[in-house]
Amino acid sequence: MESSRFGERPAQVEAVLKAADVLLRVAARSVVEVEDRVTSPQLRVLVLVALRGPQNLGAVARELGVHASNATRTCDRLVSAGLLSRREDLVDRRYVQLDLTEAGRALVGTVLDHRRRAIADVLERMPAASRNDVAEAMDSFAAAAGGEGIEDGRFTLGSGG
């Protein structure tokens, strides 16, 4: 690997990549807990609604990067499964508003709680003196990246901002 491509910090880049791999493994393992109940696109919809609040079908289609008819089918399955509710928007009746049901909230909570527990377990295995340093470094890293995480349910760790 060329150090000039990454400035003079290739070891730092590799350390962050290693940590990112661990965080992605945490996210992937949490999805396994619910993959018998929802598909990956369905989980994305549920987390989107959990983090941003009620959505319309157009917003869901944009987030998934699919045609509105595909988003409709995905949401219909979630409504049928009792994880999402659908009602007319109170402001504009042309829009359908999608929101989580209690069961939908519980499913998203299961995924995000698993992620928090797994990260807490890793922190507990670290020397106590390093934990605050890691937290501060991660905050600084997130801030340097603009502070915007991802709301894709497959990967978000659910910080909520």
Protein backbone atom coordinates (compact mmCIF):
# COMPACT_ATOMS: atom_id res chain seq x y z
CA MET A 1 0.00 0.00 0.00
CA GLU A 2 1.27 3.43 -0.90
CA SER A 3 1.60 5.73 2.11
CA SER A 4 1.39 8.84 -0.10
CA ARG A 5 -2.16 7.93 -1.06
CA PHE A 6 -3.18 8.11 2.60
CA GLY A 7 -0.78 10.84 3.63
CA GLU A 8 1.66 9.73 6.24
CA ARG A 9 -0.95 7.79 8.20
CA PRO A 10 -1.39 4.31 6.69
CA ALA A 11 -1.36 2.64 10.13
CA GLN A 12 -4.13 4.96 11.31
CA VAL A 13 -6.20 4.23 8.20
CA GLU A 14 -5.74 0.49 8.74
CA ALA A 15 -6.71 0.78 12.42
CA VAL A 16 -9.94 2.60 11.52
CA LEU A 17 -10.71 0.02 8.81
CA LYS A 18 -10.22 -2.78 11.32
CA ALA A 19 -12.58 -1.07 13.79
CA ALA A 20 -15.11 -0.45 11.00
CA ASP A 21 -15.02 -4.16 10.14
CA VAL A 22 -15.85 -4.97 13.76
CA LEU A 23 -18.74 -2.49 13.74
CA LEU A 24 -20.08 -3.94 10.48
CA ARG A 25 -19.88 -7.43 11.99
CA VAL A 26 -21.94 -6.16 14.94
CA ALA A 27 -24.53 -4.77 12.52
CA ALA A 28 -24.60 -7.96 10.45
CA ARG A 29 -25.06 -10.20 13.48
CA SER A 30 -28.00 -8.15 14.69
CA VAL A 31 -29.75 -8.60 11.34
CA VAL A 32 -29.49 -12.38 11.74
CA GLU A 33 -31.78 -12.07 14.78
CA VAL A 34 -34.65 -10.82 12.60
CA GLU A 35 -33.93 -12.24 9.14
CA ASP A 36 -36.58 -14.91 9.64
CA ARG A 37 -39.18 -12.12 10.02
CA VAL A 38 -38.12 -9.40 7.57
CA THR A 39 -36.04 -9.04 4.44
CA SER A 40 -33.17 -6.59 4.15
CA PRO A 41 -35.27 -3.99 2.25
CA GLN A 42 -38.06 -4.37 4.81
CA LEU A 43 -35.62 -3.75 7.67
CA ARG A 44 -34.36 -0.66 5.84
CA VAL A 45 -37.92 0.68 5.71
CA LEU A 46 -38.57 -0.03 9.38
CA VAL A 47 -35.35 1.67 10.51
CA LEU A 48 -36.01 4.62 8.20
CA VAL A 49 -39.40 5.16 9.82
CA ALA A 50 -37.98 4.57 13.31
CA LEU A 51 -35.26 7.19 12.85
CA ARG A 52 -37.07 9.79 10.73
CA GLY A 53 -40.67 9.33 11.80
CA PRO A 54 -43.69 8.63 9.59
CA GLN A 55 -42.90 8.48 5.87
CA ASN A 56 -44.85 8.43 2.62
CA LEU A 57 -44.32 5.89 -0.15
CA GLY A 58 -42.32 8.35 -2.26
CA ALA A 59 -39.78 8.86 0.53
CA VAL A 60 -39.49 5.11 1.01
CA ALA A 61 -38.97 4.56 -2.72
CA ARG A 62 -36.24 7.24 -2.81
CA GLU A 63 -34.49 5.78 0.23
CA LEU A 64 -34.53 2.28 -1.22
CA GLY A 65 -33.62 3.53 -4.69
CA VAL A 66 -36.55 1.67 -6.25
CA HIS A 67 -39.69 2.43 -8.26
CA ALA A 68 -42.72 3.41 -6.19
CA SER A 69 -44.46 0.12 -7.06
CA ASN A 70 -41.61 -1.85 -5.47
CA ALA A 71 -41.76 0.33 -2.36
CA THR A 72 -45.51 -0.21 -2.23
CA ARG A 73 -45.09 -4.00 -2.33
CA THR A 74 -42.44 -3.88 0.40
CA CYS A 75 -44.62 -1.70 2.60
CA ASP A 76 -47.72 -3.81 1.91
CA ARG A 77 -45.85 -6.85 3.25
CA LEU A 78 -44.85 -4.92 6.37
CA VAL A 79 -48.46 -3.80 6.90
CA SER A 80 -49.65 -7.41 6.47
CA ALA A 81 -47.02 -8.56 8.97
CA GLY A 82 -48.31 -6.01 11.50
CA LEU A 83 -45.02 -4.09 11.59
CA LEU A 84 -46.12 -0.95 9.74
CA SER A 85 -49.39 0.99 9.75
CA ARG A 86 -50.79 2.90 6.82
CA ARG A 87 -53.17 5.87 6.99
CA GLU A 88 -54.07 8.91 4.98
CA ASP A 89 -51.85 11.90 5.66
CA LEU A 90 -53.79 14.43 7.74
CA VAL A 91 -52.42 17.37 5.74
CA ASP A 92 -52.63 15.95 2.22
CA ARG A 93 -54.97 13.02 1.66
CA ARG A 94 -53.23 12.13 -1.60
CA TYR A 95 -50.38 10.75 0.47
CA VAL A 96 -50.31 7.60 2.53
CA GLN A 97 -48.46 7.96 5.80
CA LEU A 98 -46.51 4.95 7.01
CA ASP A 99 -45.65 4.54 10.67
CA LEU A 100 -44.37 1.77 12.92
CA THR A 101 -46.74 -0.35 14.90
CA GLU A 102 -45.77 -1.49 18.39
CA ALA A 103 -44.52 -4.73 16.85
CA GLY A 104 -42.47 -2.75 14.32
CA ARG A 105 -40.97 -0.62 17.09
CA ALA A 106 -40.13 -3.76 19.04
CA LEU A 107 -38.41 -5.38 16.05
CA VAL A 108 -36.28 -2.28 15.34
CA GLY A 109 -35.56 -2.03 19.06
CA THR A 110 -34.36 -5.63 19.09
CA VAL A 111 -31.91 -4.93 16.27
CA LEU A 112 -30.59 -1.67 17.70
CA ASP A 113 -30.39 -3.00 21.27
CA HIS A 114 -28.37 -5.97 20.02
CA ARG A 115 -25.94 -3.53 18.42
CA ARG A 116 -25.63 -1.41 21.56
CA ARG A 117 -25.07 -4.50 23.74
CA ALA A 118 -22.42 -5.87 21.40
CA ILE A 119 -20.56 -2.56 21.36
CA ALA A 120 -20.85 -2.25 25.15
CA ASP A 121 -19.41 -5.77 25.48
CA VAL A 122 -16.40 -4.80 23.39
CA LEU A 123 -15.90 -1.63 25.44
CA GLU A 124 -16.05 -3.68 28.64
CA ARG A 125 -13.19 -5.87 27.38
CA MET A 126 -11.02 -2.79 26.82
CA PRO A 127 -8.86 -1.34 29.56
CA ALA A 128 -11.01 1.09 31.55
CA ALA A 129 -8.51 3.90 30.96
CA SER A 130 -8.95 3.57 27.16
CA ARG A 131 -12.75 3.70 26.98
CA ASN A 132 -13.14 7.48 27.20
CA ASP A 133 -10.28 7.97 24.74
CA VAL A 134 -12.01 5.67 22.25
CA ALA A 135 -15.35 7.42 22.72
CA GLU A 136 -13.74 10.84 22.22
CA ALA A 137 -11.84 9.63 19.16
CA MET A 138 -15.01 8.16 17.64
CA ASP A 139 -16.90 11.42 18.31
CA SER A 140 -14.08 13.35 16.65
CA PHE A 141 -14.06 10.96 13.69
CA ALA A 142 -17.82 11.30 13.23
CA ALA A 143 -17.61 15.09 13.49
CA ALA A 144 -14.79 15.21 10.91
CA ALA A 145 -17.02 13.20 8.55
CA GLY A 146 -19.80 15.73 8.96
CA GLY A 147 -21.56 13.91 11.78
CA GLU A 148 -24.00 12.26 9.40
CA GLY A 149 -24.31 8.54 9.84
CA ILE A 150 -26.33 6.15 7.77
CA GLU A 151 -29.98 5.32 8.34
CA ASP A 152 -29.87 2.18 6.22
CA GLY A 153 -31.22 -0.43 8.61
CA ARG A 154 -28.69 -2.99 7.51
CA PHE A 155 -25.82 -0.89 8.80
CA THR A 156 -26.91 1.90 11.13
CA LEU A 157 -25.89 1.40 14.69
CA GLY A 158 -28.89 3.52 15.68
CA SER A 159 -27.27 6.54 17.31
CA GLY A 160 -30.15 8.68 16.12
CA GLY A 161 -27.79 11.51 15.28
